[in-house]
Amino acid sequence: MALFENLGDRLGESLRKVAGKSRLSEDNIREALRDVRMALLEADVALSVVKEFIDRVRSRALGMQVGRGLNPGQQFLKLVQEELEHLMGDANPGLDLAVRPPAVILMAGLQGAGKTTSVAKLARYLSEREKKKVMVVSADVYRPAAIQQLVLLAEEVGVTCLPSEAGEQPLAIAQRALTEARRGFADVLIVDTAGRLHIDAELMDEIRALSEALEPAEILFVIDAMIGQDAVNTARAFDEALPLTGVILTKVDGDARGGAALSVRQVTGKPIKFMGVGEKTDALEPFHPERIASRILGMGDVLSLIEEVERKVDKGKAEKLARKFEKGKRFDLEDLRDQLQQMQQLGGMTGLLDKLPGMGNMAKAVEQSNVTGQFKTMQVIIDSMTQAERADPEILNGSRKRRITQGSGTSIQDLNRLLKQHKQMAKTMKKMKGKNLGRMMQGMEGMMSQGSGPGGMPRQ
């Protein structure tokens, strides 16, 4: 997760200095906190938020009783983690939709924050994961392109979109949508409001009028995580104008410093409920402060990984592969292609490793070696093979290899690397019988430490 990467690196350096201490003194606590303060400021966390955070950590650290089984350095790390969680909201409260249907969700934010895309992502989330019947509508009459964009996105995610016209008044659109949502027995109505390039009185008056007329169950403020300190000022202005119930943090996968996530909750007092982690319509996740704090400090996020596996991995294919191994059959290239596709579903190798404890550095090494690109190359090569060749790579002679590489736009070296990788994975799968993820990770770590990517692929 790029948003917290730099912050995690800097905090990691700071906390390593006290991790090995046999005891914590006022001096080494002061030194560690000075580094933590600089790391937070460099991450663009608001100064007032940094000051309060440091004061809380210092106060608790100086009066700390070291628990059993933890050395003072570990206890200090645990304390910082707890305070990071508190800073970001302690827990995810979820959406409060326990009202007479349809529950109205009003989306507010500046232009360019990703509001319309977030409407579609939230609609998909509620429809697929919460099994809600969702209707969406655009009240952004100033940008006809935004209205059309929502129509297309709604069709993509499979929810109803009430058509609106640029000539209509936003309030009339919203009231008509509410009537149609009731008539269609929708559980949830999500209203996309107009954004501006900057905060102005007209924008605030319009959203306030919509809020008063619709009596929404949720008013969610959509904010771009990449705008840094401006995020705090924008959040404060919207919070003063509207009874916000929560925040959606977008572009968390971007190359940002992370300060917005750590500041917005503290400044508005409103919880971050969701975060956008990519461009696709399924790239919306509940914001869990305890999991984010764990990832910032390099401790992984196994719970999110388990949930993602449950949701995205094709259980039918996994069971079929397990039965195949039980019968003593070998791991073929068709199986390898399926595994590569499943890996992509989980965010690629980097996304998987990033959620495993202690694998943060390895995830970076994988990213630097362009493993995702290499995996795509491997899939293209396998796609260029016949069914017989995938089932038995031993039949691949010179002429077959030339045909495959010409068809896939790759080289003989690429194909040979793939075959080497397949042999290594077949051996590993035979030993593990598809069960021991830990041993597979250790094997991968060994390959990375030898200066190559999977299957001996050179680092880019």
Protein backbone atom coordinates (compact mmCIF):
# COMPACT_ATOMS: atom_id res chain seq x y z
CA MET A 1 0.00 0.00 0.00
CA ALA A 2 1.99 2.94 -1.33
CA LEU A 3 0.18 5.49 0.85
CA PHE A 4 1.88 4.31 4.03
CA GLU A 5 5.13 2.98 2.58
CA ASN A 6 7.40 5.98 3.28
CA LEU A 7 5.85 6.54 6.69
CA GLY A 8 6.33 2.87 7.54
CA ASP A 9 9.99 2.99 6.49
CA ARG A 10 10.72 6.08 8.57
CA LEU A 11 8.86 4.84 11.64
CA GLY A 12 10.59 1.48 11.28
CA GLU A 13 14.00 3.17 11.41
CA SER A 14 12.96 5.17 14.48
CA LEU A 15 11.59 2.21 16.41
CA ARG A 16 14.52 -0.10 15.61
CA LYS A 17 16.69 2.20 17.72
CA VAL A 18 14.75 1.29 20.86
CA ALA A 19 13.77 -2.26 19.90
CA GLY A 20 16.90 -3.79 21.38
CA LYS A 21 17.12 -1.67 24.53
CA SER A 22 17.22 -3.59 27.80
CA ARG A 23 15.43 -0.71 29.50
CA LEU A 24 13.65 2.46 28.46
CA SER A 25 14.93 5.71 29.89
CA GLU A 26 13.71 9.26 29.47
CA ASP A 27 16.70 9.86 27.17
CA ASN A 28 16.13 7.02 24.70
CA ILE A 29 12.34 7.65 24.73
CA ARG A 30 13.04 11.30 23.91
CA GLU A 31 15.36 10.30 21.04
CA ALA A 32 12.86 7.80 19.63
CA LEU A 33 10.00 10.28 19.84
CA ARG A 34 12.04 12.96 18.10
CA ASP A 35 12.50 10.55 15.16
CA VAL A 36 8.82 9.53 15.23
CA ARG A 37 7.83 13.22 15.20
CA MET A 38 10.01 13.88 12.12
CA ALA A 39 8.61 10.77 10.36
CA LEU A 40 5.02 11.97 10.92
CA LEU A 41 5.75 15.54 9.80
CA GLU A 42 7.52 14.27 6.66
CA ALA A 43 4.42 12.16 5.97
CA ASP A 44 2.42 15.41 5.94
CA VAL A 45 0.51 14.75 9.16
CA ALA A 46 -0.95 17.99 10.54
CA LEU A 47 1.29 19.64 13.16
CA SER A 48 -1.47 19.76 15.81
CA VAL A 49 -2.11 16.02 15.29
CA VAL A 50 1.59 15.19 15.58
CA LYS A 51 1.91 17.18 18.80
CA GLU A 52 -1.05 15.45 20.43
CA PHE A 53 0.18 12.00 19.27
CA ILE A 54 3.70 12.53 20.64
CA ASP A 55 2.36 13.86 23.94
CA ARG A 56 0.16 10.79 24.39
CA VAL A 57 2.98 8.35 23.56
CA ARG A 58 5.46 10.17 25.85
CA SER A 59 3.00 10.25 28.75
CA ARG A 60 2.24 6.54 28.45
CA ALA A 61 5.86 5.50 27.83
CA LEU A 62 7.23 7.23 30.91
CA GLY A 63 4.67 5.58 33.16
CA MET A 64 4.82 2.23 31.39
CA GLN A 65 4.90 -1.07 33.23
CA VAL A 66 6.67 -3.63 31.00
CA GLY A 67 4.48 -6.70 30.49
CA ARG A 68 5.65 -10.28 30.76
CA GLY A 69 7.21 -11.76 27.66
CA LEU A 70 7.95 -8.35 26.15
CA ASN A 71 11.21 -6.45 26.40
CA PRO A 72 10.99 -2.66 26.83
CA GLY A 73 11.61 -2.04 23.13
CA GLN A 74 8.78 -4.38 22.11
CA GLN A 75 6.50 -2.75 24.67
CA PHE A 76 7.27 0.69 23.24
CA LEU A 77 6.50 -0.58 19.72
CA LYS A 78 3.18 -1.99 20.98
CA LEU A 79 2.41 1.38 22.58
CA VAL A 80 3.09 3.26 19.31
CA GLN A 81 0.87 0.79 17.45
CA GLU A 82 -1.98 1.33 19.93
CA GLU A 83 -1.69 5.10 19.62
CA LEU A 84 -1.65 4.90 15.81
CA GLU A 85 -4.85 2.87 16.00
CA HIS A 86 -6.39 5.45 18.33
CA LEU A 87 -5.31 8.26 15.99
CA MET A 88 -7.09 6.60 13.08
CA GLY A 89 -10.24 5.76 15.01
CA ASP A 90 -9.71 2.60 17.12
CA ALA A 91 -12.20 0.50 15.09
CA ASN A 92 -14.27 0.52 11.90
CA PRO A 93 -17.89 1.40 12.78
CA GLY A 94 -19.28 0.45 9.36
CA LEU A 95 -22.29 2.11 7.76
CA ASP A 96 -25.40 2.75 9.82
CA LEU A 97 -28.20 1.80 7.43
CA ALA A 98 -30.70 0.68 10.09
CA VAL A 99 -33.42 3.07 8.94
CA ARG A 100 -36.66 2.71 7.02
CA PRO A 101 -35.60 1.88 3.43
CA PRO A 102 -34.32 3.29 1.29
CA ALA A 103 -31.37 4.37 3.42
CA VAL A 104 -29.91 7.45 1.69
CA ILE A 105 -26.13 7.89 1.42
CA LEU A 106 -25.06 11.40 0.37
CA MET A 107 -21.57 11.64 -1.12
CA ALA A 108 -19.75 14.97 -0.75
CA GLY A 109 -16.30 16.17 -1.76
CA LEU A 110 -14.26 18.31 -4.13
CA GLN A 111 -14.03 17.72 -7.86
CA GLY A 112 -11.32 15.21 -8.73
CA ALA A 113 -11.43 13.40 -5.37
CA GLY A 114 -12.88 10.27 -7.00
CA LYS A 115 -16.45 10.81 -5.79
CA THR A 116 -18.33 9.33 -8.77
CA THR A 117 -16.06 6.28 -8.89
CA SER A 118 -16.51 5.86 -5.14
CA VAL A 119 -20.31 5.87 -5.60
CA ALA A 120 -19.97 2.91 -8.00
CA LYS A 121 -17.48 1.13 -5.73
CA LEU A 122 -19.74 1.56 -2.69
CA ALA A 123 -22.76 0.40 -4.69
CA ARG A 124 -20.88 -2.74 -5.71
CA TYR A 125 -19.67 -3.32 -2.14
CA LEU A 126 -23.21 -3.04 -0.72
CA SER A 127 -24.77 -5.13 -3.44
CA GLU A 128 -22.18 -7.96 -3.48
CA ARG A 129 -21.00 -8.13 0.13
CA GLU A 130 -24.04 -6.81 2.03
CA LYS A 131 -26.65 -8.20 -0.41
CA LYS A 132 -28.46 -4.84 -0.63
CA LYS A 133 -30.63 -3.65 -3.51
CA VAL A 134 -28.93 -0.40 -4.51
CA MET A 135 -29.97 2.58 -6.67
CA VAL A 136 -27.59 5.41 -7.60
CA VAL A 137 -28.24 8.89 -8.98
CA SER A 138 -26.09 11.85 -10.03
CA ALA A 139 -27.10 15.34 -8.87
CA ASP A 140 -23.99 16.84 -10.50
CA VAL A 141 -25.83 18.91 -13.11
CA TYR A 142 -22.73 21.03 -13.82
CA ARG A 143 -20.81 18.15 -15.39
CA PRO A 144 -22.86 16.11 -17.90
CA ALA A 145 -19.82 13.82 -18.25
CA ALA A 146 -20.15 12.88 -14.56
CA ILE A 147 -23.80 11.91 -15.09
CA GLN A 148 -22.86 9.71 -18.07
CA GLN A 149 -19.91 8.24 -16.17
CA LEU A 150 -22.22 7.11 -13.35
CA VAL A 151 -24.66 5.54 -15.84
CA LEU A 152 -21.83 3.46 -17.32
CA LEU A 153 -20.36 2.51 -13.94
CA ALA A 154 -23.77 1.50 -12.58
CA GLU A 155 -24.25 -0.79 -15.57
CA GLU A 156 -20.80 -2.29 -14.94
CA VAL A 157 -21.49 -3.07 -11.26
CA GLY A 158 -25.07 -4.21 -11.88
CA VAL A 159 -27.10 -1.62 -9.96
CA THR A 160 -29.96 0.67 -11.03
CA CYS A 161 -29.06 4.22 -12.03
CA LEU A 162 -31.81 6.84 -12.24
CA PRO A 163 -31.17 8.99 -15.33
CA SER A 164 -30.81 12.71 -14.69
CA GLU A 165 -30.44 15.66 -17.03
CA ALA A 166 -28.06 18.61 -16.91
CA GLY A 167 -31.02 21.04 -17.04
CA GLU A 168 -32.66 19.71 -13.85
CA GLN A 169 -32.23 21.16 -10.38
CA PRO A 170 -30.16 18.96 -8.00
CA LEU A 171 -32.90 18.99 -5.35
CA ALA A 172 -35.56 17.91 -7.88
CA ILE A 173 -33.32 15.07 -9.10
CA ALA A 174 -32.70 13.82 -5.56
CA GLN A 175 -36.39 13.93 -4.58
CA ARG A 176 -37.40 12.11 -7.79
CA ALA A 177 -34.71 9.48 -7.08
CA LEU A 178 -36.03 8.98 -3.54
CA THR A 179 -39.56 8.42 -4.89
CA GLU A 180 -38.28 5.92 -7.49
CA ALA A 181 -36.13 4.11 -4.90
CA ARG A 182 -39.19 3.66 -2.66
CA ARG A 183 -41.28 2.49 -5.60
CA GLY A 184 -38.58 -0.01 -6.63
CA PHE A 185 -38.10 -1.28 -3.04
CA ALA A 186 -34.41 -0.32 -3.04
CA ASP A 187 -32.57 -0.83 0.25
CA VAL A 188 -30.06 1.95 -0.39
CA LEU A 189 -30.03 5.13 -2.51
CA ILE A 190 -26.58 6.66 -3.12
CA VAL A 191 -26.62 10.30 -4.27
CA ASP A 192 -23.55 11.69 -6.09
CA THR A 193 -23.37 15.45 -5.48
CA ALA A 194 -21.56 18.15 -7.45
CA GLY A 195 -17.94 18.85 -6.68
CA ARG A 196 -16.01 22.07 -7.23
CA LEU A 197 -12.33 22.70 -7.76
CA HIS A 198 -12.35 24.56 -4.44
CA ILE A 199 -14.69 25.14 -1.51
CA ASP A 200 -17.30 27.84 -2.14
CA ALA A 201 -20.52 29.03 -0.48
CA GLU A 202 -22.72 27.95 -3.41
CA LEU A 203 -21.44 24.36 -3.23
CA MET A 204 -21.99 24.18 0.53
CA ASP A 205 -25.51 25.67 0.31
CA GLU A 206 -26.49 23.16 -2.36
CA ILE A 207 -25.23 20.13 -0.42
CA ARG A 208 -26.81 21.44 2.79
CA ALA A 209 -30.18 21.74 1.02
CA LEU A 210 -29.88 18.17 -0.30
CA SER A 211 -29.00 16.93 3.18
CA GLU A 212 -32.02 18.66 4.78
CA ALA A 213 -34.43 17.36 2.12
CA LEU A 214 -33.21 13.76 1.99
CA GLU A 215 -32.41 13.21 5.70
CA PRO A 216 -29.59 10.81 4.74
CA ALA A 217 -28.56 7.91 6.98
CA GLU A 218 -24.95 8.63 6.00
CA ILE A 219 -23.13 11.70 4.67
CA LEU A 220 -19.75 10.50 3.48
CA PHE A 221 -16.93 12.90 2.70
CA VAL A 222 -14.76 11.65 -0.17
CA ILE A 223 -11.19 12.88 0.01
CA ASP A 224 -8.10 12.32 -2.12
CA ALA A 225 -5.35 10.87 0.08
CA MET A 226 -2.72 12.39 -2.19
CA ILE A 227 -3.47 16.09 -1.56
CA GLY A 228 -1.62 16.16 1.78
CA GLN A 229 -2.23 19.10 4.11
CA ASP A 230 -5.01 20.48 1.89
CA ALA A 231 -6.99 17.39 2.85
CA VAL A 232 -7.16 18.60 6.44
CA ASN A 233 -8.41 22.10 5.51
CA THR A 234 -11.01 20.66 3.10
CA ALA A 235 -12.20 18.12 5.68
CA ARG A 236 -12.57 20.83 8.31
CA ALA A 237 -14.62 23.06 5.97
CA PHE A 238 -17.01 20.24 4.98
CA ASP A 239 -17.35 19.11 8.59
CA GLU A 240 -18.37 22.63 9.65
CA ALA A 241 -20.97 22.84 6.85
CA LEU A 242 -22.47 19.32 7.00
CA PRO A 243 -23.29 16.72 9.64
CA LEU A 244 -20.72 14.29 8.22
CA THR A 245 -20.94 10.68 9.42
CA GLY A 246 -17.73 9.36 7.90
CA VAL A 247 -14.93 9.60 5.36
CA ILE A 248 -13.94 7.64 2.25
CA LEU A 249 -10.21 7.98 1.60
CA THR A 250 -9.43 7.54 -2.13
CA LYS A 251 -6.22 6.82 -4.06
CA VAL A 252 -4.65 4.98 -1.12
CA ASP A 253 -2.69 2.95 -3.71
CA GLY A 254 -1.03 6.14 -4.99
CA ASP A 255 2.44 7.41 -4.20
CA ALA A 256 1.52 9.60 -1.23
CA ARG A 257 2.93 10.20 2.22
CA GLY A 258 -0.01 9.04 4.31
CA GLY A 259 -0.60 12.17 6.38
CA ALA A 260 -4.22 12.61 5.27
CA ALA A 261 -5.28 9.28 6.77
CA LEU A 262 -3.65 10.12 10.07
CA SER A 263 -4.99 13.70 10.18
CA VAL A 264 -8.56 13.61 8.84
CA ARG A 265 -9.96 11.44 11.64
CA GLN A 266 -8.41 13.64 14.32
CA VAL A 267 -9.43 16.94 12.70
CA THR A 268 -13.08 16.04 11.94
CA GLY A 269 -13.73 13.53 14.71
CA LYS A 270 -15.44 11.44 12.00
CA PRO A 271 -14.32 7.87 11.26
CA ILE A 272 -12.66 6.81 8.02
CA LYS A 273 -15.13 4.13 6.91
CA PHE A 274 -13.67 3.04 3.56
CA MET A 275 -10.54 3.40 1.47
CA GLY A 276 -10.16 3.16 -2.30
CA VAL A 277 -7.22 0.88 -3.09
CA GLY A 278 -7.23 0.88 -6.90
CA GLU A 279 -9.09 1.96 -10.02
CA LYS A 280 -11.34 -1.09 -10.46
CA THR A 281 -14.87 -1.06 -9.06
CA ASP A 282 -14.07 -3.83 -6.56
CA ALA A 283 -11.16 -1.81 -5.11
CA LEU A 284 -12.95 -0.50 -2.02
CA GLU A 285 -12.16 -1.84 1.43
CA PRO A 286 -13.43 -1.07 4.94
CA PHE A 287 -10.86 1.00 6.82
CA HIS A 288 -9.66 -0.96 9.86
CA PRO A 289 -7.34 1.25 11.98
CA GLU A 290 -5.79 -1.72 13.80
CA ARG A 291 -4.90 -3.43 10.51
CA ILE A 292 -3.52 -0.24 8.94
CA ALA A 293 -1.40 0.48 12.05
CA SER A 294 -0.05 -3.06 11.86
CA ARG A 295 0.91 -2.61 8.19
CA ILE A 296 2.52 0.79 8.81
CA LEU A 297 4.76 -0.85 11.42
CA GLY A 298 5.64 -3.79 9.15
CA MET A 299 3.54 -6.36 11.01
CA GLY A 300 1.38 -7.37 8.07
CA ASP A 301 -2.40 -7.66 7.81
CA VAL A 302 -3.28 -11.34 7.87
CA LEU A 303 -6.99 -10.77 8.61
CA SER A 304 -7.48 -8.72 5.42
CA LEU A 305 -5.54 -11.35 3.45
CA ILE A 306 -7.79 -14.14 4.77
CA GLU A 307 -10.92 -12.12 3.89
CA GLU A 308 -9.56 -11.42 0.42
CA VAL A 309 -8.72 -15.09 -0.17
CA GLU A 310 -12.22 -16.10 0.99
CA ARG A 311 -13.79 -13.61 -1.41
CA LYS A 312 -11.57 -13.83 -4.48
CA VAL A 313 -9.98 -17.27 -4.69
CA ASP A 314 -11.85 -19.77 -6.88
CA LYS A 315 -12.61 -22.49 -4.33
CA GLY A 316 -13.70 -24.91 -7.05
CA LYS A 317 -10.30 -24.72 -8.76
CA ALA A 318 -8.47 -24.99 -5.43
CA GLU A 319 -10.40 -28.14 -4.48
CA LYS A 320 -9.86 -29.61 -7.95
CA LEU A 321 -6.09 -29.06 -7.62
CA ALA A 322 -6.07 -30.63 -4.13
CA ARG A 323 -7.91 -33.73 -5.41
CA LYS A 324 -5.45 -33.95 -8.29
CA PHE A 325 -2.51 -34.06 -5.88
CA GLU A 326 -4.27 -36.65 -3.71
CA LYS A 327 -4.49 -38.93 -6.75
CA GLY A 328 -0.74 -38.54 -7.30
CA LYS A 329 -1.08 -36.54 -10.51
CA ARG A 330 1.53 -33.90 -11.30
CA PHE A 331 1.33 -30.13 -11.35
CA ASP A 332 1.10 -29.11 -15.04
CA LEU A 333 1.30 -25.79 -16.88
CA GLU A 334 -2.51 -25.41 -16.87
CA ASP A 335 -2.34 -25.54 -13.06
CA LEU A 336 0.48 -22.98 -13.06
CA ARG A 337 -1.59 -20.60 -15.19
CA ASP A 338 -4.53 -20.96 -12.79
CA GLN A 339 -2.24 -20.18 -9.84
CA LEU A 340 -0.87 -17.08 -11.60
CA GLN A 341 -4.40 -15.84 -12.29
CA GLN A 342 -5.42 -16.42 -8.66
CA MET A 343 -2.33 -14.50 -7.54
CA GLN A 344 -3.35 -11.55 -9.73
CA GLN A 345 -6.80 -11.63 -8.11
CA LEU A 346 -5.09 -11.10 -4.75
CA GLY A 347 -3.16 -8.05 -5.98
CA GLY A 348 -0.17 -9.92 -7.38
CA MET A 349 2.80 -11.20 -5.42
CA THR A 350 3.46 -7.75 -3.93
CA GLY A 351 -0.10 -7.43 -2.62
CA LEU A 352 0.10 -10.89 -1.05
CA LEU A 353 3.49 -10.46 0.62
CA ASP A 354 2.65 -6.95 1.83
CA LYS A 355 -0.06 -8.43 4.08
CA LEU A 356 2.16 -11.12 5.59
CA PRO A 357 4.03 -10.29 8.84
CA GLY A 358 7.69 -9.48 8.28
CA MET A 359 7.40 -9.67 4.49
CA GLY A 360 7.38 -5.91 3.81
CA ASN A 361 10.99 -5.81 2.58
CA MET A 362 10.46 -8.89 0.46
CA ALA A 363 7.36 -7.28 -1.09
CA LYS A 364 9.52 -4.29 -2.10
CA ALA A 365 12.17 -6.59 -3.57
CA VAL A 366 9.48 -8.38 -5.60
CA GLU A 367 8.11 -5.04 -6.83
CA GLN A 368 11.57 -3.84 -7.86
CA SER A 369 12.20 -7.06 -9.79
CA ASN A 370 8.97 -6.51 -11.79
CA VAL A 371 7.57 -9.90 -10.85
CA THR A 372 4.03 -8.84 -11.85
CA GLY A 373 5.24 -8.15 -15.39
CA GLN A 374 7.07 -11.47 -15.45
CA PHE A 375 3.95 -13.31 -14.31
CA LYS A 376 1.99 -11.71 -17.17
CA THR A 377 4.68 -12.86 -19.62
CA MET A 378 4.41 -16.40 -18.24
CA GLN A 379 0.63 -16.39 -18.71
CA VAL A 380 0.95 -15.17 -22.31
CA ILE A 381 3.43 -17.98 -23.07
CA ILE A 382 1.15 -20.65 -21.56
CA ASP A 383 -1.83 -19.22 -23.49
CA SER A 384 0.14 -19.79 -26.72
CA MET A 385 0.51 -23.52 -26.01
CA THR A 386 -1.82 -26.34 -27.03
CA GLN A 387 -3.71 -28.30 -24.39
CA ALA A 388 -1.33 -31.24 -24.86
CA GLU A 389 1.73 -29.02 -24.35
CA ARG A 390 0.31 -27.56 -21.13
CA ALA A 391 -0.44 -31.05 -19.82
CA ASP A 392 3.02 -32.41 -20.69
CA PRO A 393 5.81 -29.82 -21.17
CA GLU A 394 8.26 -32.66 -21.87
CA ILE A 395 6.97 -32.79 -25.47
CA LEU A 396 8.22 -29.26 -26.15
CA ASN A 397 10.88 -29.69 -28.85
CA GLY A 398 12.67 -26.97 -30.81
CA SER A 399 9.94 -26.39 -33.42
CA ARG A 400 7.17 -26.27 -30.79
CA LYS A 401 9.16 -23.76 -28.75
CA ARG A 402 9.69 -21.53 -31.79
CA ARG A 403 5.96 -21.59 -32.57
CA ILE A 404 5.04 -20.71 -28.97
CA THR A 405 7.52 -17.84 -28.65
CA GLN A 406 6.54 -16.38 -32.03
CA GLY A 407 2.85 -16.60 -31.10
CA SER A 408 3.39 -14.96 -27.71
CA GLY A 409 5.92 -12.33 -28.81
CA THR A 410 8.51 -13.67 -26.35
CA SER A 411 11.94 -15.27 -26.57
CA ILE A 412 13.25 -18.82 -26.16
CA GLN A 413 14.97 -17.58 -22.96
CA ASP A 414 11.58 -16.47 -21.57
CA LEU A 415 10.09 -19.88 -22.35
CA ASN A 416 13.01 -21.73 -20.78
CA ARG A 417 12.72 -19.63 -17.62
CA LEU A 418 9.02 -20.49 -17.44
CA LEU A 419 9.76 -24.21 -17.76
CA LYS A 420 12.40 -23.94 -15.03
CA GLN A 421 9.93 -22.11 -12.77
CA HIS A 422 7.30 -24.76 -13.45
CA LYS A 423 9.68 -27.56 -12.46
CA GLN A 424 10.55 -25.79 -9.22
CA MET A 425 6.89 -25.19 -8.37
CA ALA A 426 5.95 -28.79 -9.24
CA LYS A 427 8.58 -30.05 -6.79
CA THR A 428 7.40 -27.62 -4.10
CA MET A 429 3.74 -28.52 -4.61
CA LYS A 430 4.58 -32.21 -4.39
CA LYS A 431 6.26 -31.66 -1.01
CA MET A 432 3.58 -29.35 0.39
CA LYS A 433 0.51 -30.93 -1.22
CA GLY A 434 -0.84 -27.39 -1.52
CA LYS A 435 -1.00 -26.78 2.24
CA ASN A 436 2.12 -25.17 3.65
CA LEU A 437 2.12 -21.48 2.68
CA GLY A 438 4.88 -20.71 5.16
CA ARG A 439 7.34 -23.10 3.52
CA MET A 440 6.45 -21.75 0.08
CA MET A 441 7.18 -18.21 1.33
CA GLN A 442 10.54 -19.34 2.73
CA GLY A 443 11.42 -20.88 -0.62
CA MET A 444 10.50 -17.66 -2.40
CA GLU A 445 12.54 -15.62 0.07
CA GLY A 446 15.52 -17.83 -0.73
CA MET A 447 15.09 -17.20 -4.45
CA MET A 448 14.84 -13.45 -3.88
CA SER A 449 17.94 -13.37 -1.67
CA GLN A 450 19.94 -15.09 -4.42
CA GLY A 451 19.33 -12.03 -6.60
CA SER A 452 16.71 -13.40 -8.94
CA GLY A 453 12.98 -13.35 -9.34
CA PRO A 454 10.84 -16.48 -9.55
CA GLY A 455 12.31 -19.26 -11.62
CA GLY A 456 15.68 -17.56 -11.74
CA MET A 457 14.27 -14.60 -13.64
CA PRO A 458 16.77 -11.76 -13.44
CA ARG A 459 15.81 -8.61 -11.57
CA GLN A 460 14.88 -5.77 -13.87
